[in-house]
Amino acid sequence: MCLMKTQLTTSQRLAGYAVFIWSIVYMFPHLYWAFGGKLGLSILKPSISEIPQWELINWIASAILTAAGLLGIVLIYFWNSKLLKGLLLTITWAGCSVAASHGIYGIIHRLLQIAGMIEVESGPFNVGEHAYVLWDLLLFEPWFLIEGILFAVLGWCSFKKPTNRAIWLILCTLGVIIGIVTGLLGVRFA
């Protein structure tokens, strides 16, 4: 089962704060773009910032990232609440599954584009024309993968018994596999 009414461990606290910091740091550029900021748009796919919903998308991303960060804090302070713990761990599992599968799928997809095995939207990869593919590969997709790993660690730290930790890791792995399969089927959640 979950940890009994014992003292919060250092690893639980560190994992919660890591999720908070990692999420909030990534929220700031989205919040900036939501307010209409233009700095940093050159690293994105050129047409993405021109869509009419660009600011709304960034407001939604800011809200989701803030909620993800707060999840890390909430698990620190309410980890002994039987009522909340199941719900919080389910949300943590979903965050792990979506973020990690998005990162893995995205990294592989971008590598295949750079290698010429998959075309970029406008044709074969060209570093001058498709620099956003490199930024996506080196910055955005790894962020998703690390976020997913941090969620997995946060959930893992919420259990004391090795059996429950193993079950948690199995569930996270299955969630990531389902996320990758849906990505291959053309459905991406982020």
N, C-alpha and C. Protein backbone atom coordinates (compact mmCIF):
# COMPACT_ATOMS: atom_id res chain seq x y z
N MET A 1 0.83 -1.19 0.00
CA MET A 1 0.00 0.00 0.00
C MET A 1 0.88 1.25 0.00
N CYS A 2 0.23 2.37 0.15
CA CYS A 2 0.92 3.65 0.21
C CYS A 2 1.57 3.81 1.57
N LEU A 3 2.40 4.80 1.68
CA LEU A 3 3.07 5.07 2.95
C LEU A 3 2.05 5.27 4.06
N MET A 4 2.31 4.70 5.20
CA MET A 4 1.44 4.90 6.35
C MET A 4 1.70 6.30 6.91
N LYS A 5 1.07 6.62 8.01
CA LYS A 5 1.24 7.93 8.64
C LYS A 5 2.64 8.04 9.21
N THR A 6 3.60 8.20 8.33
CA THR A 6 5.00 8.37 8.72
C THR A 6 5.49 9.70 8.18
N GLN A 7 6.68 10.03 8.51
CA GLN A 7 7.25 11.30 8.08
C GLN A 7 7.54 11.28 6.58
N LEU A 8 7.30 12.40 5.96
CA LEU A 8 7.59 12.58 4.55
C LEU A 8 9.09 12.41 4.32
N THR A 9 9.46 11.64 3.30
CA THR A 9 10.88 11.41 3.05
C THR A 9 11.46 12.56 2.22
N THR A 10 12.76 12.69 2.28
CA THR A 10 13.46 13.71 1.50
C THR A 10 13.24 13.48 0.01
N SER A 11 13.24 12.22 -0.42
CA SER A 11 13.05 11.93 -1.85
C SER A 11 11.66 12.35 -2.31
N GLN A 12 10.65 12.17 -1.47
CA GLN A 12 9.30 12.63 -1.83
C GLN A 12 9.27 14.14 -1.98
N ARG A 13 9.86 14.82 -1.04
CA ARG A 13 9.88 16.27 -1.07
C ARG A 13 10.65 16.78 -2.31
N LEU A 14 11.82 16.21 -2.56
CA LEU A 14 12.62 16.62 -3.72
C LEU A 14 11.88 16.35 -5.03
N ALA A 15 11.24 15.19 -5.13
CA ALA A 15 10.49 14.85 -6.35
C ALA A 15 9.35 15.84 -6.57
N GLY A 16 8.64 16.18 -5.50
CA GLY A 16 7.54 17.13 -5.62
C GLY A 16 8.01 18.50 -6.05
N TYR A 17 9.08 18.98 -5.45
CA TYR A 17 9.61 20.29 -5.82
C TYR A 17 10.22 20.27 -7.22
N ALA A 18 10.80 19.15 -7.63
CA ALA A 18 11.36 19.04 -8.98
C ALA A 18 10.24 19.16 -10.02
N VAL A 19 9.13 18.48 -9.79
CA VAL A 19 7.98 18.58 -10.71
C VAL A 19 7.49 20.02 -10.75
N PHE A 20 7.39 20.66 -9.58
CA PHE A 20 6.92 22.05 -9.51
C PHE A 20 7.84 22.98 -10.31
N ILE A 21 9.13 22.92 -10.03
CA ILE A 21 10.08 23.83 -10.68
C ILE A 21 10.13 23.58 -12.19
N TRP A 22 10.23 22.31 -12.59
CA TRP A 22 10.33 21.97 -14.01
C TRP A 22 9.10 22.46 -14.78
N SER A 23 7.92 22.30 -14.19
CA SER A 23 6.68 22.72 -14.85
C SER A 23 6.56 24.23 -14.92
N ILE A 24 6.85 24.91 -13.82
CA ILE A 24 6.69 26.36 -13.77
C ILE A 24 7.70 27.06 -14.68
N VAL A 25 8.92 26.57 -14.73
CA VAL A 25 9.91 27.18 -15.62
C VAL A 25 9.44 27.11 -17.07
N TYR A 26 8.84 25.99 -17.47
CA TYR A 26 8.36 25.83 -18.84
C TYR A 26 7.08 26.62 -19.07
N MET A 27 6.37 26.96 -17.99
CA MET A 27 5.15 27.73 -18.11
C MET A 27 5.44 29.18 -18.51
N PHE A 28 6.56 29.75 -18.04
CA PHE A 28 6.85 31.17 -18.27
C PHE A 28 6.88 31.56 -19.75
N PRO A 29 7.54 30.81 -20.65
CA PRO A 29 7.48 31.22 -22.06
C PRO A 29 6.05 31.18 -22.61
N HIS A 30 5.28 30.18 -22.20
CA HIS A 30 3.89 30.10 -22.67
C HIS A 30 3.07 31.29 -22.16
N LEU A 31 3.28 31.67 -20.93
CA LEU A 31 2.59 32.82 -20.37
C LEU A 31 2.99 34.10 -21.12
N TYR A 32 4.26 34.22 -21.40
CA TYR A 32 4.77 35.37 -22.17
C TYR A 32 4.10 35.43 -23.54
N TRP A 33 4.03 34.28 -24.24
CA TRP A 33 3.39 34.23 -25.55
C TRP A 33 1.89 34.45 -25.44
N ALA A 34 1.27 34.00 -24.35
CA ALA A 34 -0.16 34.22 -24.15
C ALA A 34 -0.47 35.71 -24.05
N PHE A 35 0.45 36.48 -23.48
CA PHE A 35 0.28 37.92 -23.37
C PHE A 35 0.67 38.65 -24.65
N GLY A 36 1.02 37.90 -25.70
CA GLY A 36 1.33 38.50 -26.99
C GLY A 36 2.81 38.71 -27.25
N GLY A 37 3.69 38.20 -26.39
CA GLY A 37 5.12 38.35 -26.59
C GLY A 37 5.60 37.69 -27.87
N LYS A 38 6.61 38.23 -28.45
CA LYS A 38 7.14 37.73 -29.73
C LYS A 38 8.53 37.11 -29.61
N LEU A 39 9.23 37.40 -28.53
CA LEU A 39 10.59 36.88 -28.36
C LEU A 39 10.56 35.34 -28.30
N GLY A 40 11.45 34.71 -29.03
CA GLY A 40 11.55 33.25 -29.01
C GLY A 40 10.70 32.55 -30.04
N LEU A 41 9.87 33.27 -30.76
CA LEU A 41 9.02 32.63 -31.76
C LEU A 41 9.82 32.06 -32.92
N SER A 42 11.03 32.55 -33.13
CA SER A 42 11.86 32.09 -34.24
C SER A 42 12.29 30.63 -34.08
N ILE A 43 12.20 30.08 -32.88
CA ILE A 43 12.59 28.68 -32.70
C ILE A 43 11.41 27.73 -32.92
N LEU A 44 10.24 28.29 -33.19
CA LEU A 44 9.06 27.49 -33.43
C LEU A 44 8.79 27.35 -34.92
N LYS A 45 7.97 26.39 -35.27
CA LYS A 45 7.54 26.24 -36.65
C LYS A 45 6.90 27.57 -37.07
N PRO A 46 7.33 28.14 -38.20
CA PRO A 46 6.89 29.50 -38.56
C PRO A 46 5.37 29.70 -38.56
N SER A 47 4.62 28.75 -39.02
CA SER A 47 3.18 28.94 -39.13
C SER A 47 2.45 28.79 -37.79
N ILE A 48 3.10 28.24 -36.78
CA ILE A 48 2.41 27.94 -35.53
C ILE A 48 1.96 29.21 -34.81
N SER A 49 2.79 30.23 -34.80
CA SER A 49 2.44 31.46 -34.08
C SER A 49 1.48 32.35 -34.86
N GLU A 50 1.17 31.95 -36.08
CA GLU A 50 0.27 32.73 -36.91
C GLU A 50 -1.17 32.25 -36.83
N ILE A 51 -1.41 31.12 -36.18
CA ILE A 51 -2.78 30.62 -36.10
C ILE A 51 -3.58 31.53 -35.16
N PRO A 52 -4.85 31.72 -35.46
CA PRO A 52 -5.66 32.65 -34.67
C PRO A 52 -5.76 32.29 -33.18
N GLN A 53 -5.64 31.03 -32.86
CA GLN A 53 -5.78 30.58 -31.48
C GLN A 53 -4.44 30.54 -30.72
N TRP A 54 -3.39 31.13 -31.28
CA TRP A 54 -2.05 31.03 -30.69
C TRP A 54 -2.04 31.49 -29.23
N GLU A 55 -2.59 32.63 -28.94
CA GLU A 55 -2.58 33.13 -27.56
C GLU A 55 -3.43 32.24 -26.65
N LEU A 56 -4.60 31.80 -27.14
CA LEU A 56 -5.45 30.91 -26.34
C LEU A 56 -4.73 29.60 -26.03
N ILE A 57 -4.05 29.05 -27.02
CA ILE A 57 -3.30 27.80 -26.81
C ILE A 57 -2.27 28.00 -25.70
N ASN A 58 -1.61 29.14 -25.70
CA ASN A 58 -0.60 29.41 -24.67
C ASN A 58 -1.22 29.67 -23.31
N TRP A 59 -2.41 30.26 -23.27
CA TRP A 59 -3.11 30.39 -21.98
C TRP A 59 -3.44 29.01 -21.42
N ILE A 60 -3.93 28.14 -22.28
CA ILE A 60 -4.27 26.78 -21.85
C ILE A 60 -3.02 26.03 -21.40
N ALA A 61 -1.95 26.15 -22.18
CA ALA A 61 -0.68 25.50 -21.80
C ALA A 61 -0.18 26.04 -20.46
N SER A 62 -0.30 27.34 -20.25
CA SER A 62 0.13 27.94 -18.98
C SER A 62 -0.67 27.36 -17.82
N ALA A 63 -1.98 27.23 -18.01
CA ALA A 63 -2.83 26.67 -16.95
C ALA A 63 -2.47 25.21 -16.66
N ILE A 64 -2.26 24.42 -17.72
CA ILE A 64 -1.92 23.00 -17.54
C ILE A 64 -0.56 22.87 -16.85
N LEU A 65 0.41 23.66 -17.26
CA LEU A 65 1.74 23.59 -16.66
C LEU A 65 1.72 24.04 -15.20
N THR A 66 0.92 25.05 -14.90
CA THR A 66 0.78 25.49 -13.51
C THR A 66 0.14 24.38 -12.68
N ALA A 67 -0.90 23.76 -13.21
CA ALA A 67 -1.56 22.65 -12.50
C ALA A 67 -0.59 21.49 -12.30
N ALA A 68 0.22 21.19 -13.31
CA ALA A 68 1.21 20.12 -13.19
C ALA A 68 2.21 20.44 -12.09
N GLY A 69 2.67 21.66 -12.07
CA GLY A 69 3.61 22.06 -11.02
C GLY A 69 2.98 21.99 -9.64
N LEU A 70 1.76 22.45 -9.53
CA LEU A 70 1.07 22.41 -8.23
C LEU A 70 0.80 20.98 -7.77
N LEU A 71 0.65 20.07 -8.72
CA LEU A 71 0.48 18.66 -8.36
C LEU A 71 1.67 18.17 -7.55
N GLY A 72 2.87 18.57 -7.95
CA GLY A 72 4.06 18.19 -7.18
C GLY A 72 4.00 18.71 -5.76
N ILE A 73 3.54 19.94 -5.58
CA ILE A 73 3.44 20.53 -4.25
C ILE A 73 2.32 19.87 -3.45
N VAL A 74 1.18 19.65 -4.10
CA VAL A 74 0.03 19.04 -3.41
C VAL A 74 0.39 17.65 -2.90
N LEU A 75 1.13 16.89 -3.69
CA LEU A 75 1.51 15.55 -3.23
C LEU A 75 2.46 15.61 -2.04
N ILE A 76 3.20 16.69 -1.90
CA ILE A 76 4.07 16.84 -0.73
C ILE A 76 3.22 17.05 0.53
N TYR A 77 2.23 17.91 0.40
CA TYR A 77 1.48 18.31 1.59
C TYR A 77 0.26 17.45 1.90
N PHE A 78 -0.22 16.68 0.92
CA PHE A 78 -1.41 15.86 1.15
C PHE A 78 -1.15 14.38 0.90
N TRP A 79 0.12 13.95 1.00
CA TRP A 79 0.47 12.58 0.68
C TRP A 79 -0.12 11.58 1.67
N ASN A 80 -0.52 12.02 2.84
CA ASN A 80 -1.13 11.13 3.82
C ASN A 80 -2.65 11.10 3.73
N SER A 81 -3.26 11.91 2.89
CA SER A 81 -4.71 11.95 2.75
C SER A 81 -5.18 10.80 1.88
N LYS A 82 -5.85 9.83 2.50
CA LYS A 82 -6.34 8.68 1.73
C LYS A 82 -7.34 9.12 0.68
N LEU A 83 -8.12 10.14 1.01
CA LEU A 83 -9.14 10.63 0.09
C LEU A 83 -8.53 11.20 -1.19
N LEU A 84 -7.47 11.98 -1.04
CA LEU A 84 -6.85 12.64 -2.19
C LEU A 84 -5.77 11.82 -2.88
N LYS A 85 -5.11 10.96 -2.16
CA LYS A 85 -3.92 10.29 -2.69
C LYS A 85 -4.22 9.48 -3.96
N GLY A 86 -5.30 8.74 -3.96
CA GLY A 86 -5.64 7.95 -5.15
C GLY A 86 -5.88 8.83 -6.36
N LEU A 87 -6.61 9.91 -6.16
CA LEU A 87 -6.88 10.84 -7.26
C LEU A 87 -5.58 11.50 -7.74
N LEU A 88 -4.77 11.96 -6.79
CA LEU A 88 -3.52 12.62 -7.15
C LEU A 88 -2.56 11.68 -7.88
N LEU A 89 -2.50 10.43 -7.44
CA LEU A 89 -1.62 9.47 -8.12
C LEU A 89 -2.15 9.12 -9.51
N THR A 90 -3.46 9.10 -9.68
CA THR A 90 -4.02 8.85 -11.01
C THR A 90 -3.66 9.99 -11.96
N ILE A 91 -3.76 11.22 -11.47
CA ILE A 91 -3.38 12.37 -12.28
C ILE A 91 -1.88 12.34 -12.57
N THR A 92 -1.08 11.97 -11.57
CA THR A 92 0.37 11.86 -11.75
C THR A 92 0.70 10.81 -12.80
N TRP A 93 0.01 9.67 -12.75
CA TRP A 93 0.21 8.60 -13.73
C TRP A 93 -0.14 9.10 -15.14
N ALA A 94 -1.27 9.81 -15.26
CA ALA A 94 -1.66 10.34 -16.57
C ALA A 94 -0.62 11.34 -17.07
N GLY A 95 -0.13 12.20 -16.18
CA GLY A 95 0.91 13.15 -16.56
C GLY A 95 2.17 12.46 -17.03
N CYS A 96 2.56 11.42 -16.31
CA CYS A 96 3.73 10.63 -16.70
C CYS A 96 3.54 10.02 -18.07
N SER A 97 2.39 9.39 -18.27
CA SER A 97 2.11 8.68 -19.52
C SER A 97 2.09 9.62 -20.71
N VAL A 98 1.37 10.73 -20.58
CA VAL A 98 1.24 11.67 -21.70
C VAL A 98 2.57 12.37 -21.98
N ALA A 99 3.21 12.90 -20.94
CA ALA A 99 4.45 13.66 -21.15
C ALA A 99 5.57 12.78 -21.68
N ALA A 100 5.80 11.63 -21.05
CA ALA A 100 6.91 10.77 -21.48
C ALA A 100 6.68 10.22 -22.88
N SER A 101 5.45 9.78 -23.18
CA SER A 101 5.19 9.24 -24.52
C SER A 101 5.31 10.34 -25.57
N HIS A 102 4.85 11.54 -25.24
CA HIS A 102 4.99 12.68 -26.16
C HIS A 102 6.48 12.93 -26.45
N GLY A 103 7.30 12.95 -25.40
CA GLY A 103 8.73 13.19 -25.58
C GLY A 103 9.41 12.10 -26.38
N ILE A 104 9.14 10.86 -26.06
CA ILE A 104 9.76 9.74 -26.77
C ILE A 104 9.35 9.74 -28.24
N TYR A 105 8.04 9.85 -28.47
CA TYR A 105 7.54 9.86 -29.84
C TYR A 105 8.15 11.04 -30.61
N GLY A 106 8.15 12.23 -29.99
CA GLY A 106 8.65 13.42 -30.65
C GLY A 106 10.13 13.34 -30.98
N ILE A 107 10.92 12.82 -30.05
CA ILE A 107 12.36 12.68 -30.29
C ILE A 107 12.62 11.73 -31.45
N ILE A 108 11.97 10.58 -31.44
CA ILE A 108 12.15 9.61 -32.52
C ILE A 108 11.68 10.19 -33.85
N HIS A 109 10.52 10.84 -33.84
CA HIS A 109 9.97 11.42 -35.07
C HIS A 109 10.92 12.47 -35.65
N ARG A 110 11.42 13.35 -34.79
CA ARG A 110 12.34 14.40 -35.28
C ARG A 110 13.65 13.80 -35.77
N LEU A 111 14.18 12.80 -35.09
CA LEU A 111 15.40 12.14 -35.56
C LEU A 111 15.19 11.51 -36.93
N LEU A 112 14.04 10.88 -37.14
CA LEU A 112 13.73 10.28 -38.44
C LEU A 112 13.58 11.36 -39.53
N GLN A 113 13.05 12.52 -39.15
CA GLN A 113 12.96 13.61 -40.12
C GLN A 113 14.35 14.11 -40.50
N ILE A 114 15.20 14.30 -39.51
CA ILE A 114 16.56 14.79 -39.79
C ILE A 114 17.33 13.77 -40.62
N ALA A 115 17.12 12.49 -40.37
CA ALA A 115 17.80 11.42 -41.12
C ALA A 115 17.23 11.26 -42.52
N GLY A 116 16.13 11.95 -42.83
CA GLY A 116 15.53 11.85 -44.16
C GLY A 116 14.61 10.67 -44.34
N MET A 117 14.30 9.96 -43.27
CA MET A 117 13.42 8.79 -43.38
C MET A 117 11.94 9.19 -43.36
N ILE A 118 11.67 10.37 -42.82
CA ILE A 118 10.32 10.95 -42.82
C ILE A 118 10.47 12.38 -43.29
N GLU A 119 9.58 12.82 -44.18
CA GLU A 119 9.67 14.19 -44.66
C GLU A 119 9.10 15.15 -43.62
N VAL A 120 9.68 16.35 -43.57
CA VAL A 120 9.10 17.44 -42.82
C VAL A 120 7.91 17.92 -43.65
N GLU A 121 7.00 18.66 -43.07
CA GLU A 121 5.77 19.07 -43.76
C GLU A 121 6.00 19.65 -45.16
N SER A 122 7.10 20.38 -45.35
CA SER A 122 7.35 21.04 -46.63
C SER A 122 8.39 20.32 -47.49
N GLY A 123 8.70 19.07 -47.17
CA GLY A 123 9.66 18.32 -47.98
C GLY A 123 10.79 17.77 -47.13
N PRO A 124 11.89 17.37 -47.75
CA PRO A 124 13.02 16.82 -47.00
C PRO A 124 13.61 17.84 -46.03
N PHE A 125 14.18 17.34 -44.95
CA PHE A 125 14.76 18.20 -43.93
C PHE A 125 15.88 19.04 -44.51
N ASN A 126 15.83 20.33 -44.21
CA ASN A 126 16.86 21.29 -44.60
C ASN A 126 17.08 22.17 -43.38
N VAL A 127 18.29 22.19 -42.84
CA VAL A 127 18.56 22.89 -41.60
C VAL A 127 18.22 24.38 -41.67
N GLY A 128 18.42 24.99 -42.81
CA GLY A 128 18.10 26.42 -42.95
C GLY A 128 16.61 26.68 -42.92
N GLU A 129 15.86 25.82 -43.54
CA GLU A 129 14.41 25.99 -43.62
C GLU A 129 13.68 25.38 -42.42
N HIS A 130 14.26 24.35 -41.83
CA HIS A 130 13.57 23.60 -40.78
C HIS A 130 14.33 23.62 -39.45
N ALA A 131 14.88 24.74 -39.09
CA ALA A 131 15.62 24.84 -37.82
C ALA A 131 14.73 24.51 -36.63
N TYR A 132 13.42 24.77 -36.77
CA TYR A 132 12.50 24.46 -35.68
C TYR A 132 12.49 22.97 -35.34
N VAL A 133 12.81 22.12 -36.30
CA VAL A 133 12.87 20.68 -36.04
C VAL A 133 14.00 20.39 -35.04
N LEU A 134 15.13 21.06 -35.23
CA LEU A 134 16.26 20.89 -34.28
C LEU A 134 15.90 21.42 -32.90
N TRP A 135 15.24 22.60 -32.85
CA TRP A 135 14.83 23.14 -31.55
C TRP A 135 13.86 22.19 -30.86
N ASP A 136 12.96 21.64 -31.63
CA ASP A 136 12.00 20.69 -31.08
C ASP A 136 12.73 19.46 -30.52
N LEU A 137 13.70 18.96 -31.29
CA LEU A 137 14.46 17.79 -30.88
C LEU A 137 15.32 18.06 -29.64
N LEU A 138 15.93 19.22 -29.59
CA LEU A 138 16.90 19.51 -28.52
C LEU A 138 16.30 20.19 -27.29
N LEU A 139 15.13 20.81 -27.44
CA LEU A 139 14.57 21.57 -26.33
C LEU A 139 13.19 21.07 -25.90
N PHE A 140 12.24 21.10 -26.79
CA PHE A 140 10.84 20.84 -26.40
C PHE A 140 10.56 19.37 -26.10
N GLU A 141 10.94 18.47 -26.98
CA GLU A 141 10.65 17.05 -26.74
C GLU A 141 11.39 16.51 -25.51
N PRO A 142 12.67 16.86 -25.31
CA PRO A 142 13.32 16.41 -24.07
C PRO A 142 12.63 16.97 -22.82
N TRP A 143 12.09 18.19 -22.92
CA TRP A 143 11.36 18.72 -21.77
C TRP A 143 10.20 17.79 -21.41
N PHE A 144 9.43 17.37 -22.42
CA PHE A 144 8.30 16.47 -22.17
C PHE A 144 8.78 15.15 -21.55
N LEU A 145 9.85 14.59 -22.11
CA LEU A 145 10.36 13.33 -21.58
C LEU A 145 10.79 13.47 -20.12
N ILE A 146 11.51 14.53 -19.81
CA ILE A 146 11.96 14.74 -18.42
C ILE A 146 10.76 14.97 -17.50
N GLU A 147 9.76 15.71 -17.96
CA GLU A 147 8.54 15.92 -17.16
C GLU A 147 7.88 14.58 -16.85
N GLY A 148 7.80 13.72 -17.86
CA GLY A 148 7.21 12.39 -17.64
C GLY A 148 8.01 11.57 -16.64
N ILE A 149 9.32 11.63 -16.75
CA ILE A 149 10.18 10.91 -15.80
C ILE A 149 10.00 11.47 -14.39
N LEU A 150 9.92 12.78 -14.27
CA LEU A 150 9.72 13.40 -12.95
C LEU A 150 8.39 12.98 -12.34
N PHE A 151 7.34 12.91 -13.15
CA PHE A 151 6.06 12.42 -12.64
C PHE A 151 6.18 10.97 -12.17
N ALA A 152 6.89 10.14 -12.95
CA ALA A 152 7.08 8.74 -12.55
C ALA A 152 7.81 8.65 -11.22
N VAL A 153 8.86 9.45 -11.07
CA VAL A 153 9.63 9.46 -9.82
C VAL A 153 8.77 9.96 -8.66
N LEU A 154 7.98 10.99 -8.90
CA LEU A 154 7.10 11.52 -7.87
C LEU A 154 6.12 10.45 -7.38
N GLY A 155 5.52 9.74 -8.30
CA GLY A 155 4.61 8.66 -7.90
C GLY A 155 5.33 7.53 -7.19
N TRP A 156 6.48 7.17 -7.71
CA TRP A 156 7.28 6.09 -7.12
C TRP A 156 7.65 6.42 -5.68
N CYS A 157 8.01 7.67 -5.43
CA CYS A 157 8.38 8.11 -4.08
C CYS A 157 7.20 8.13 -3.12
N SER A 158 6.00 8.04 -3.66
CA SER A 158 4.80 8.05 -2.82
C SER A 158 4.49 6.68 -2.23
N PHE A 159 5.26 5.68 -2.62
CA PHE A 159 5.07 4.33 -2.11
C PHE A 159 6.28 3.90 -1.31
N LYS A 160 6.04 3.06 -0.34
CA LYS A 160 7.14 2.58 0.50
C LYS A 160 7.52 1.14 0.14
N LYS A 161 6.53 0.31 -0.09
CA LYS A 161 6.80 -1.11 -0.35
C LYS A 161 7.33 -1.32 -1.77
N PRO A 162 8.36 -2.15 -1.91
CA PRO A 162 8.92 -2.42 -3.23
C PRO A 162 7.89 -2.96 -4.23
N THR A 163 6.96 -3.76 -3.75
CA THR A 163 5.94 -4.33 -4.64
C THR A 163 5.08 -3.21 -5.24
N ASN A 164 4.67 -2.27 -4.40
CA ASN A 164 3.85 -1.16 -4.90
C ASN A 164 4.64 -0.26 -5.83
N ARG A 165 5.91 -0.08 -5.54
CA ARG A 165 6.75 0.72 -6.44
C ARG A 165 6.90 0.03 -7.79
N ALA A 166 7.04 -1.29 -7.78
CA ALA A 166 7.16 -2.05 -9.02
C ALA A 166 5.86 -1.95 -9.83
N ILE A 167 4.73 -2.06 -9.15
CA ILE A 167 3.44 -1.94 -9.82
C ILE A 167 3.31 -0.55 -10.44
N TRP A 168 3.73 0.47 -9.70
CA TRP A 168 3.68 1.84 -10.21
C TRP A 168 4.49 1.96 -11.50
N LEU A 169 5.70 1.43 -11.49
CA LEU A 169 6.55 1.53 -12.68
C LEU A 169 5.96 0.76 -13.86
N ILE A 170 5.35 -0.38 -13.58
CA ILE A 170 4.70 -1.15 -14.65
C ILE A 170 3.54 -0.35 -15.24
N LEU A 171 2.72 0.25 -14.37
CA LEU A 171 1.60 1.06 -14.86
C LEU A 171 2.08 2.26 -15.67
N CYS A 172 3.15 2.89 -15.21
CA CYS A 172 3.71 4.02 -15.97
C CYS A 172 4.22 3.57 -17.32
N THR A 173 4.91 2.45 -17.35
CA THR A 173 5.42 1.91 -18.61
C THR A 173 4.28 1.60 -19.57
N LEU A 174 3.23 0.96 -19.07
CA LEU A 174 2.06 0.66 -19.92
C LEU A 174 1.42 1.95 -20.43
N GLY A 175 1.31 2.96 -19.58
CA GLY A 175 0.75 4.24 -20.00
C GLY A 175 1.58 4.88 -21.10
N VAL A 176 2.90 4.82 -20.97
CA VAL A 176 3.79 5.39 -21.99
C VAL A 176 3.65 4.61 -23.30
N ILE A 177 3.58 3.30 -23.22
CA ILE A 177 3.41 2.48 -24.43
C ILE A 177 2.10 2.83 -25.13
N ILE A 178 1.02 2.97 -24.36
CA ILE A 178 -0.27 3.34 -24.94
C ILE A 178 -0.16 4.71 -25.60
N GLY A 179 0.52 5.64 -24.95
CA GLY A 179 0.71 6.97 -25.52
C GLY A 179 1.49 6.93 -26.83
N ILE A 180 2.53 6.11 -26.89
CA ILE A 180 3.33 6.00 -28.12
C ILE A 180 2.50 5.37 -29.23
N VAL A 181 1.74 4.33 -28.90
CA VAL A 181 0.90 3.67 -29.90
C VAL A 181 -0.13 4.64 -30.46
N THR A 182 -0.76 5.43 -29.58
CA THR A 182 -1.73 6.41 -30.08
C THR A 182 -1.04 7.45 -30.96
N GLY A 183 0.20 7.81 -30.61
CA GLY A 183 0.96 8.72 -31.46
C GLY A 183 1.20 8.13 -32.84
N LEU A 184 1.54 6.87 -32.88
CA LEU A 184 1.74 6.18 -34.17
C LEU A 184 0.45 6.10 -34.97
N LEU A 185 -0.68 6.07 -34.27
CA LEU A 185 -1.99 6.03 -34.93
C LEU A 185 -2.47 7.42 -35.34
N GLY A 186 -1.65 8.44 -35.02
CA GLY A 186 -2.00 9.79 -35.44
C GLY A 186 -2.68 10.63 -34.37
N VAL A 187 -2.79 10.11 -33.14
CA VAL A 187 -3.42 10.85 -32.06
C VAL A 187 -2.33 11.23 -31.07
N ARG A 188 -2.07 12.55 -30.93
CA ARG A 188 -1.11 13.03 -29.95
C ARG A 188 -1.86 13.92 -28.98
N PHE A 189 -1.57 13.74 -27.71
CA PHE A 189 -2.31 14.44 -26.66
C PHE A 189 -1.74 15.81 -26.32
N ALA A 190 -0.59 16.14 -26.82
CA ALA A 190 -0.02 17.46 -26.50
C ALA A 190 0.79 17.97 -27.68
